Amino acid sequence: MVTTKDFVQTETKKINETLSATQTKLAADIEKISSTSVEQYTQVMLLLDKKFQGVNQKCYELEKAMKIEKEERVKQIEQNISPLIQRIESKLFEHIFFENTERVIF
């Protein structure tokens, strides 16, 4: 015949074994989830790094193209206004020369 004390001890032992098995299983599951999460994090970081490298390269290329475009436009503007500047300088010189000549004559 099983006494209450033996029953309680047996049930306590079963509960403790069940708890121990559950803790072991949960610890293994948590480790697996943690490992998977770290792998996923690493993959995402590598992907983002690759994308940012592509974006940075594109930005560099665009900045370089913009610089070239700016230099070309400045050169073109200088070529377009060069005759105007020469005409203005010529007119200014004529104006100053004739003004000085008029003062000397009169």
C-alpha atoms as a PDB file:
ATOM      1  CA  MET A   1       0.000   0.000   0.000  1.00  0.00           C
ATOM      2  CA  VAL A   2       1.184   3.493  -0.933  1.00  0.00           C
ATOM      3  CA  THR A   3       1.274   6.044   1.779  1.00  0.00           C
ATOM      4  CA  THR A   4       0.472   9.670   1.274  1.00  0.00           C
ATOM      5  CA  LYS A   5       4.070  10.554   1.932  1.00  0.00           C
ATOM      6  CA  ASP A   6       5.273   8.127  -0.782  1.00  0.00           C
ATOM      7  CA  PHE A   7       2.639   9.443  -3.186  1.00  0.00           C
ATOM      8  CA  VAL A   8       3.679  13.050  -2.598  1.00  0.00           C
ATOM      9  CA  GLN A   9       7.355  12.172  -3.009  1.00  0.00           C
ATOM     10  CA  THR A  10       6.664  10.273  -6.254  1.00  0.00           C
ATOM     11  CA  GLU A  11       4.532  13.078  -7.674  1.00  0.00           C
ATOM     12  CA  THR A  12       7.104  15.676  -6.604  1.00  0.00           C
ATOM     13  CA  LYS A  13       9.807  13.695  -8.377  1.00  0.00           C
ATOM     14  CA  LYS A  14       7.660  13.471 -11.556  1.00  0.00           C
ATOM     15  CA  ILE A  15       6.918  17.207 -11.448  1.00  0.00           C
ATOM     16  CA  ASN A  16      10.588  18.033 -10.914  1.00  0.00           C
ATOM     17  CA  GLU A  17      11.594  15.788 -13.839  1.00  0.00           C
ATOM     18  CA  THR A  18       8.922  17.380 -16.037  1.00  0.00           C
ATOM     19  CA  LEU A  19      10.078  20.868 -15.020  1.00  0.00           C
ATOM     20  CA  SER A  20      13.692  19.936 -15.674  1.00  0.00           C
ATOM     21  CA  ALA A  21      12.858  18.524 -19.123  1.00  0.00           C
ATOM     22  CA  THR A  22      10.744  21.586 -19.943  1.00  0.00           C
ATOM     23  CA  GLN A  23      13.528  23.945 -18.829  1.00  0.00           C
ATOM     24  CA  THR A  24      16.066  22.053 -20.928  1.00  0.00           C
ATOM     25  CA  LYS A  25      13.764  22.135 -23.967  1.00  0.00           C
ATOM     26  CA  LEU A  26      13.006  25.835 -23.506  1.00  0.00           C
ATOM     27  CA  ALA A  27      16.701  26.643 -23.093  1.00  0.00           C
ATOM     28  CA  ALA A  28      17.455  24.767 -26.343  1.00  0.00           C
ATOM     29  CA  ASP A  29      14.589  26.565 -28.113  1.00  0.00           C
ATOM     30  CA  ILE A  30      15.777  29.943 -26.847  1.00  0.00           C
ATOM     31  CA  GLU A  31      19.334  29.179 -28.001  1.00  0.00           C
ATOM     32  CA  LYS A  32      18.019  28.156 -31.426  1.00  0.00           C
ATOM     33  CA  ILE A  33      15.903  31.313 -31.702  1.00  0.00           C
ATOM     34  CA  SER A  34      18.826  33.434 -30.550  1.00  0.00           C
ATOM     35  CA  SER A  35      21.171  31.802 -33.060  1.00  0.00           C
ATOM     36  CA  THR A  36      18.624  32.237 -35.844  1.00  0.00           C
ATOM     37  CA  SER A  37      18.067  35.850 -34.872  1.00  0.00           C
ATOM     38  CA  VAL A  38      21.799  36.575 -34.934  1.00  0.00           C
ATOM     39  CA  GLU A  39      22.088  34.953 -38.369  1.00  0.00           C
ATOM     40  CA  GLN A  40      19.123  36.938 -39.682  1.00  0.00           C
ATOM     41  CA  TYR A  41      20.521  40.145 -38.189  1.00  0.00           C
ATOM     42  CA  THR A  42      23.888  39.475 -39.831  1.00  0.00           C
ATOM     43  CA  GLN A  43      22.248  38.802 -43.190  1.00  0.00           C
ATOM     44  CA  VAL A  44      20.148  41.954 -42.973  1.00  0.00           C
ATOM     45  CA  MET A  45      23.189  44.040 -41.999  1.00  0.00           C
ATOM     46  CA  LEU A  46      25.189  42.628 -44.926  1.00  0.00           C
ATOM     47  CA  LEU A  47      22.316  43.343 -47.297  1.00  0.00           C
ATOM     48  CA  LEU A  48      21.926  46.895 -45.992  1.00  0.00           C
ATOM     49  CA  ASP A  49      25.666  47.459 -46.173  1.00  0.00           C
ATOM     50  CA  LYS A  50      25.688  46.306 -49.784  1.00  0.00           C
ATOM     51  CA  LYS A  51      22.743  48.566 -50.622  1.00  0.00           C
ATOM     52  CA  PHE A  52      24.356  51.562 -48.918  1.00  0.00           C
ATOM     53  CA  GLN A  53      27.583  50.906 -50.802  1.00  0.00           C
ATOM     54  CA  GLY A  54      25.576  51.008 -54.019  1.00  0.00           C
ATOM     55  CA  VAL A  55      23.838  54.213 -52.961  1.00  0.00           C
ATOM     56  CA  ASN A  56      27.136  55.794 -51.933  1.00  0.00           C
ATOM     57  CA  GLN A  57      28.702  54.816 -55.267  1.00  0.00           C
ATOM     58  CA  LYS A  58      25.733  56.280 -57.164  1.00  0.00           C
ATOM     59  CA  CYS A  59      25.965  59.508 -55.136  1.00  0.00           C
ATOM     60  CA  TYR A  60      29.682  59.742 -55.896  1.00  0.00           C
ATOM     61  CA  GLU A  61      29.019  59.239 -59.611  1.00  0.00           C
ATOM     62  CA  LEU A  62      26.238  61.843 -59.601  1.00  0.00           C
ATOM     63  CA  GLU A  63      28.391  64.378 -57.753  1.00  0.00           C
ATOM     64  CA  LYS A  64      31.202  63.794 -60.238  1.00  0.00           C
ATOM     65  CA  ALA A  65      28.783  64.209 -63.185  1.00  0.00           C
ATOM     66  CA  MET A  66      27.341  67.381 -61.621  1.00  0.00           C
ATOM     67  CA  LYS A  67      30.829  68.827 -61.185  1.00  0.00           C
ATOM     68  CA  ILE A  68      31.668  68.125 -64.826  1.00  0.00           C
ATOM     69  CA  GLU A  69      28.331  69.583 -65.941  1.00  0.00           C
ATOM     70  CA  LYS A  70      28.933  72.706 -63.843  1.00  0.00           C
ATOM     71  CA  GLU A  71      32.420  73.186 -65.290  1.00  0.00           C
ATOM     72  CA  GLU A  72      31.073  72.763 -68.828  1.00  0.00           C
ATOM     73  CA  ARG A  73      28.280  75.272 -68.224  1.00  0.00           C
ATOM     74  CA  VAL A  74      30.649  77.824 -66.696  1.00  0.00           C
ATOM     75  CA  LYS A  75      32.950  77.415 -69.691  1.00  0.00           C
ATOM     76  CA  GLN A  76      30.011  77.780 -72.081  1.00  0.00           C
ATOM     77  CA  ILE A  77      28.740  80.879 -70.277  1.00  0.00           C
ATOM     78  CA  GLU A  78      32.204  82.421 -70.363  1.00  0.00           C
ATOM     79  CA  GLN A  79      32.402  81.739 -74.103  1.00  0.00           C
ATOM     80  CA  ASN A  80      28.936  83.225 -74.665  1.00  0.00           C
ATOM     81  CA  ILE A  81      29.518  86.395 -72.669  1.00  0.00           C
ATOM     82  CA  SER A  82      33.108  86.950 -73.783  1.00  0.00           C
ATOM     83  CA  PRO A  83      32.059  88.914 -76.910  1.00  0.00           C
ATOM     84  CA  LEU A  84      29.638  90.946 -74.795  1.00  0.00           C
ATOM     85  CA  ILE A  85      32.331  91.768 -72.273  1.00  0.00           C
ATOM     86  CA  GLN A  86      34.681  92.782 -75.094  1.00  0.00           C
ATOM     87  CA  ARG A  87      32.000  95.061 -76.587  1.00  0.00           C
ATOM     88  CA  ILE A  88      31.277  96.600 -73.196  1.00  0.00           C
ATOM     89  CA  GLU A  89      34.977  97.158 -72.543  1.00  0.00           C
ATOM     90  CA  SER A  90      35.365  98.672 -76.014  1.00  0.00           C
ATOM     91  CA  LYS A  91      32.375 100.999 -75.514  1.00  0.00           C
ATOM     92  CA  LEU A  92      33.626 101.927 -72.058  1.00  0.00           C
ATOM     93  CA  PHE A  93      37.066 102.647 -73.453  1.00  0.00           C
ATOM     94  CA  GLU A  94      35.550 104.764 -76.247  1.00  0.00           C
ATOM     95  CA  HIS A  95      33.419 106.634 -73.768  1.00  0.00           C
ATOM     96  CA  ILE A  96      36.349 107.347 -71.473  1.00  0.00           C
ATOM     97  CA  PHE A  97      38.628 108.225 -74.396  1.00  0.00           C
ATOM     98  CA  PHE A  98      36.147 110.615 -76.009  1.00  0.00           C
ATOM     99  CA  GLU A  99      35.261 112.145 -72.673  1.00  0.00           C
ATOM    100  CA  ASN A 100      38.926 112.853 -72.017  1.00  0.00           C
ATOM    101  CA  THR A 101      39.379 114.120 -75.597  1.00  0.00           C
ATOM    102  CA  GLU A 102      36.431 116.469 -75.237  1.00  0.00           C
ATOM    103  CA  ARG A 103      37.847 117.869 -72.036  1.00  0.00           C
ATOM    104  CA  VAL A 104      41.190 118.473 -73.659  1.00  0.00           C
ATOM    105  CA  ILE A 105      39.689 120.086 -76.749  1.00  0.00           C
ATOM    106  CA  PHE A 106      37.271 122.309 -74.919  1.00  0.00           C
END
